[in-house]
Amino acid sequence: GFGNVGRVLCRYLLNMGSLVTVVRQRCWNITAVEGEERCAVREGVGKVSSLEEALPGTDILILVCTTTPETVHLINKKTISMLPQGALIVNVGRGPLVEYDAVLGGLNSGHIGGFASDVGVSHSVKPSEPWDPDDELSNHEKAIFTPHVGGYTDYSYGIMAEKIVDAIDCVVRGEPPPVWVNKG
């Protein structure tokens, strides 16, 4: 995916000297949304329109796309077999993007060198969320699972606290708060 998260991740990876290829099924034309370039790709970034085109040369596959009917089990036995031996898969998108049995089989066979995720994995007999910490995949020596909490930082908590205090001050003064979720 190459939405907000994908673009930021791309910028970080490029700044670290990585070679990046972005898969985007929609057109690559730059479009303006509220004055922002939504699809801008920096020079030196490979652009392809299909995952299958990118997989054979991918050492680290990072999934940042949403779940749609087209992306459910995007990573499966077929796509894993197209990756080079020892490739790493990182899923920071959604659990259903990845097929449980395919990832577990790839790790056990050694075809996948490692798997990291901050979301569950689409399991054939149980829901991907909440994640089962006693599950075979979550205990695999080549798998890492972390909470899906990228936005919870000291900085973000500070901003949230400021916004809450500002809202309380407004209400105390008899003014509506700046953000009113249940206004109706």
Protein backbone atom coordinates (compact mmCIF):
# COMPACT_ATOMS: atom_id res chain seq x y z
CA GLY A 1 0.00 0.00 0.00
CA PHE A 2 1.08 3.56 -0.57
CA GLY A 3 -1.34 5.56 1.54
CA ASN A 4 -0.34 7.78 4.45
CA VAL A 5 1.55 5.09 6.38
CA GLY A 6 3.18 3.66 3.25
CA ARG A 7 4.47 7.06 2.14
CA VAL A 8 5.99 7.83 5.54
CA LEU A 9 7.54 4.36 5.75
CA CYS A 10 8.92 4.78 2.23
CA ARG A 11 10.57 8.06 3.21
CA TYR A 12 12.18 6.47 6.30
CA LEU A 13 13.46 3.48 4.34
CA LEU A 14 14.92 5.68 1.61
CA ASN A 15 16.66 7.84 4.19
CA MET A 16 18.26 4.69 5.60
CA GLY A 17 19.60 3.79 2.15
CA SER A 18 17.11 1.04 1.33
CA LEU A 19 16.06 0.20 -2.20
CA VAL A 20 12.28 0.48 -2.19
CA THR A 21 9.70 -0.87 -4.61
CA VAL A 22 6.12 0.20 -4.09
CA VAL A 23 3.17 -1.87 -5.31
CA ARG A 24 0.09 0.11 -6.21
CA GLN A 25 -2.75 -1.30 -8.27
CA ARG A 26 -4.31 2.08 -8.96
CA CYS A 27 -2.74 4.55 -11.35
CA TRP A 28 0.46 6.34 -10.40
CA ASN A 29 -0.70 9.78 -11.51
CA ILE A 30 -0.20 12.39 -8.84
CA THR A 31 -3.52 13.74 -7.66
CA ALA A 32 -4.15 16.67 -5.37
CA VAL A 33 -6.41 16.14 -2.37
CA GLU A 34 -6.86 19.27 -0.27
CA GLY A 35 -3.64 20.64 -1.73
CA GLU A 36 -1.60 17.56 -0.80
CA GLU A 37 0.11 15.29 -3.29
CA ARG A 38 -1.37 11.92 -2.35
CA CYS A 39 0.64 9.67 -4.66
CA ALA A 40 3.97 11.42 -4.96
CA VAL A 41 6.85 8.96 -5.31
CA ARG A 42 10.42 10.08 -4.85
CA GLU A 43 13.02 9.51 -7.49
CA GLY A 44 14.71 6.15 -7.13
CA VAL A 45 11.63 4.29 -5.91
CA GLY A 46 10.55 1.35 -8.02
CA LYS A 47 6.89 1.36 -8.99
CA VAL A 48 4.98 -1.76 -9.97
CA SER A 49 1.29 -2.50 -10.30
CA SER A 50 1.25 -6.13 -9.13
CA LEU A 51 2.65 -7.87 -6.10
CA GLU A 52 3.73 -10.84 -8.24
CA GLU A 53 5.99 -8.51 -10.22
CA ALA A 54 7.78 -7.33 -7.09
CA LEU A 55 8.09 -10.53 -5.05
CA PRO A 56 11.03 -12.31 -6.74
CA GLY A 57 13.38 -9.44 -5.88
CA THR A 58 12.02 -8.67 -2.40
CA ASP A 59 14.23 -9.29 0.63
CA ILE A 60 11.82 -7.65 3.09
CA LEU A 61 8.12 -7.48 2.31
CA ILE A 62 6.28 -4.87 4.38
CA LEU A 63 2.48 -4.91 4.23
CA VAL A 64 0.75 -1.60 4.96
CA CYS A 65 -2.48 -2.04 3.02
CA THR A 66 -6.07 -2.26 4.19
CA THR A 67 -8.31 -5.30 4.08
CA THR A 68 -10.46 -5.47 0.96
CA PRO A 69 -11.87 -8.48 -0.88
CA GLU A 70 -8.78 -8.28 -3.14
CA THR A 71 -6.26 -8.19 -0.28
CA VAL A 72 -7.62 -10.98 1.96
CA HIS A 73 -4.89 -13.66 2.02
CA LEU A 74 -2.70 -11.51 -0.20
CA ILE A 75 0.18 -13.41 1.38
CA ASN A 76 -0.47 -17.10 0.82
CA LYS A 77 1.42 -20.21 -0.28
CA LYS A 78 1.66 -19.01 -3.87
CA THR A 79 2.95 -15.51 -3.06
CA ILE A 80 5.34 -16.83 -0.41
CA SER A 81 6.80 -19.27 -2.95
CA MET A 82 7.57 -16.29 -5.21
CA LEU A 83 9.74 -14.63 -2.54
CA PRO A 84 13.47 -15.35 -2.43
CA GLN A 85 14.61 -17.97 0.10
CA GLY A 86 14.99 -16.35 3.52
CA ALA A 87 12.88 -13.25 2.79
CA LEU A 88 11.31 -11.47 5.74
CA ILE A 89 7.62 -10.53 5.97
CA VAL A 90 6.39 -7.64 8.13
CA ASN A 91 2.65 -7.01 8.47
CA VAL A 92 1.65 -3.65 9.93
CA GLY A 93 -1.58 -3.58 7.92
CA ARG A 94 -4.35 -5.97 8.90
CA GLY A 95 -4.48 -9.61 10.00
CA PRO A 96 -6.52 -10.99 7.09
CA LEU A 97 -3.81 -9.92 4.61
CA VAL A 98 -1.79 -12.95 5.67
CA GLU A 99 -2.83 -16.59 5.54
CA TYR A 100 -1.86 -18.31 8.79
CA ASP A 101 -1.01 -21.77 7.41
CA ALA A 102 1.06 -20.30 4.59
CA VAL A 103 3.21 -18.20 6.93
CA LEU A 104 3.65 -21.01 9.44
CA GLY A 105 4.57 -23.42 6.64
CA GLY A 106 7.01 -20.92 5.14
CA LEU A 107 8.71 -20.41 8.49
CA ASN A 108 8.88 -24.15 9.23
CA SER A 109 10.33 -24.92 5.81
CA GLY A 110 12.87 -22.09 6.08
CA HIS A 111 11.58 -20.38 2.95
CA ILE A 112 10.57 -17.39 5.08
CA GLY A 113 13.46 -16.14 7.20
CA GLY A 114 11.21 -14.34 9.66
CA PHE A 115 7.77 -12.90 10.24
CA ALA A 116 6.84 -9.83 12.26
CA SER A 117 3.38 -8.45 12.85
CA ASP A 118 1.53 -6.02 15.05
CA VAL A 119 -1.82 -7.55 14.10
CA GLY A 120 -3.22 -11.07 14.17
CA VAL A 121 -3.02 -13.45 11.24
CA SER A 122 -5.98 -14.85 9.33
CA HIS A 123 -6.43 -18.27 10.91
CA SER A 124 -8.60 -20.94 9.32
CA VAL A 125 -10.48 -21.94 12.50
CA LYS A 126 -10.28 -18.99 14.91
CA PRO A 127 -10.44 -15.20 14.63
CA SER A 128 -7.25 -13.26 13.98
CA GLU A 129 -8.10 -10.80 16.76
CA PRO A 130 -7.63 -10.94 19.66
CA TRP A 131 -4.36 -12.72 19.05
CA ASP A 132 -3.75 -15.96 20.94
CA PRO A 133 -0.37 -15.70 22.73
CA ASP A 134 -0.23 -19.50 23.07
CA ASP A 135 -0.67 -20.07 19.34
CA GLU A 136 1.99 -22.03 17.42
CA LEU A 137 2.83 -19.08 15.16
CA SER A 138 3.09 -16.58 18.00
CA ASN A 139 5.57 -18.92 19.73
CA HIS A 140 7.63 -19.62 16.60
CA GLU A 141 11.30 -18.75 17.06
CA LYS A 142 11.29 -16.78 13.81
CA ALA A 143 8.11 -14.79 14.52
CA ILE A 144 7.69 -11.55 16.44
CA PHE A 145 4.35 -10.09 17.48
CA THR A 146 3.94 -6.66 19.00
CA PRO A 147 0.85 -4.65 19.99
CA HIS A 148 -0.78 -2.52 17.27
CA VAL A 149 -0.10 0.72 19.15
CA GLY A 150 2.23 2.78 16.97
CA GLY A 151 0.50 6.05 17.87
CA TYR A 152 0.84 5.71 21.62
CA THR A 153 3.96 7.69 22.52
CA ASP A 154 4.93 10.20 25.19
CA TYR A 155 4.53 12.89 22.53
CA SER A 156 1.02 11.80 21.49
CA TYR A 157 -0.10 11.49 25.11
CA GLY A 158 1.15 15.04 25.73
CA ILE A 159 -0.86 16.37 22.78
CA MET A 160 -3.95 14.43 23.91
CA ALA A 161 -3.62 15.87 27.43
CA GLU A 162 -3.36 19.42 26.03
CA LYS A 163 -6.47 18.90 23.89
CA ILE A 164 -8.43 17.52 26.86
CA VAL A 165 -7.44 20.45 29.08
CA ASP A 166 -8.35 22.93 26.31
CA ALA A 167 -11.76 21.26 25.93
CA ILE A 168 -12.41 21.38 29.68
CA ASP A 169 -11.43 25.07 29.78
CA CYS A 170 -13.92 25.82 26.98
CA VAL A 171 -16.76 24.00 28.74
CA VAL A 172 -15.99 25.76 32.05
CA ARG A 173 -16.19 29.13 30.21
CA GLY A 174 -19.56 28.08 28.76
CA GLU A 175 -18.18 27.58 25.25
CA PRO A 176 -18.48 24.43 23.16
CA PRO A 177 -15.35 22.27 23.11
CA PRO A 178 -13.21 22.45 19.95
CA VAL A 179 -14.02 18.82 19.13
CA TRP A 180 -17.50 17.57 19.97
CA VAL A 181 -17.93 13.91 19.03
CA ASN A 182 -21.50 13.28 20.14
CA LYS A 183 -23.00 16.67 19.23
CA GLY A 184 -26.46 15.99 18.05
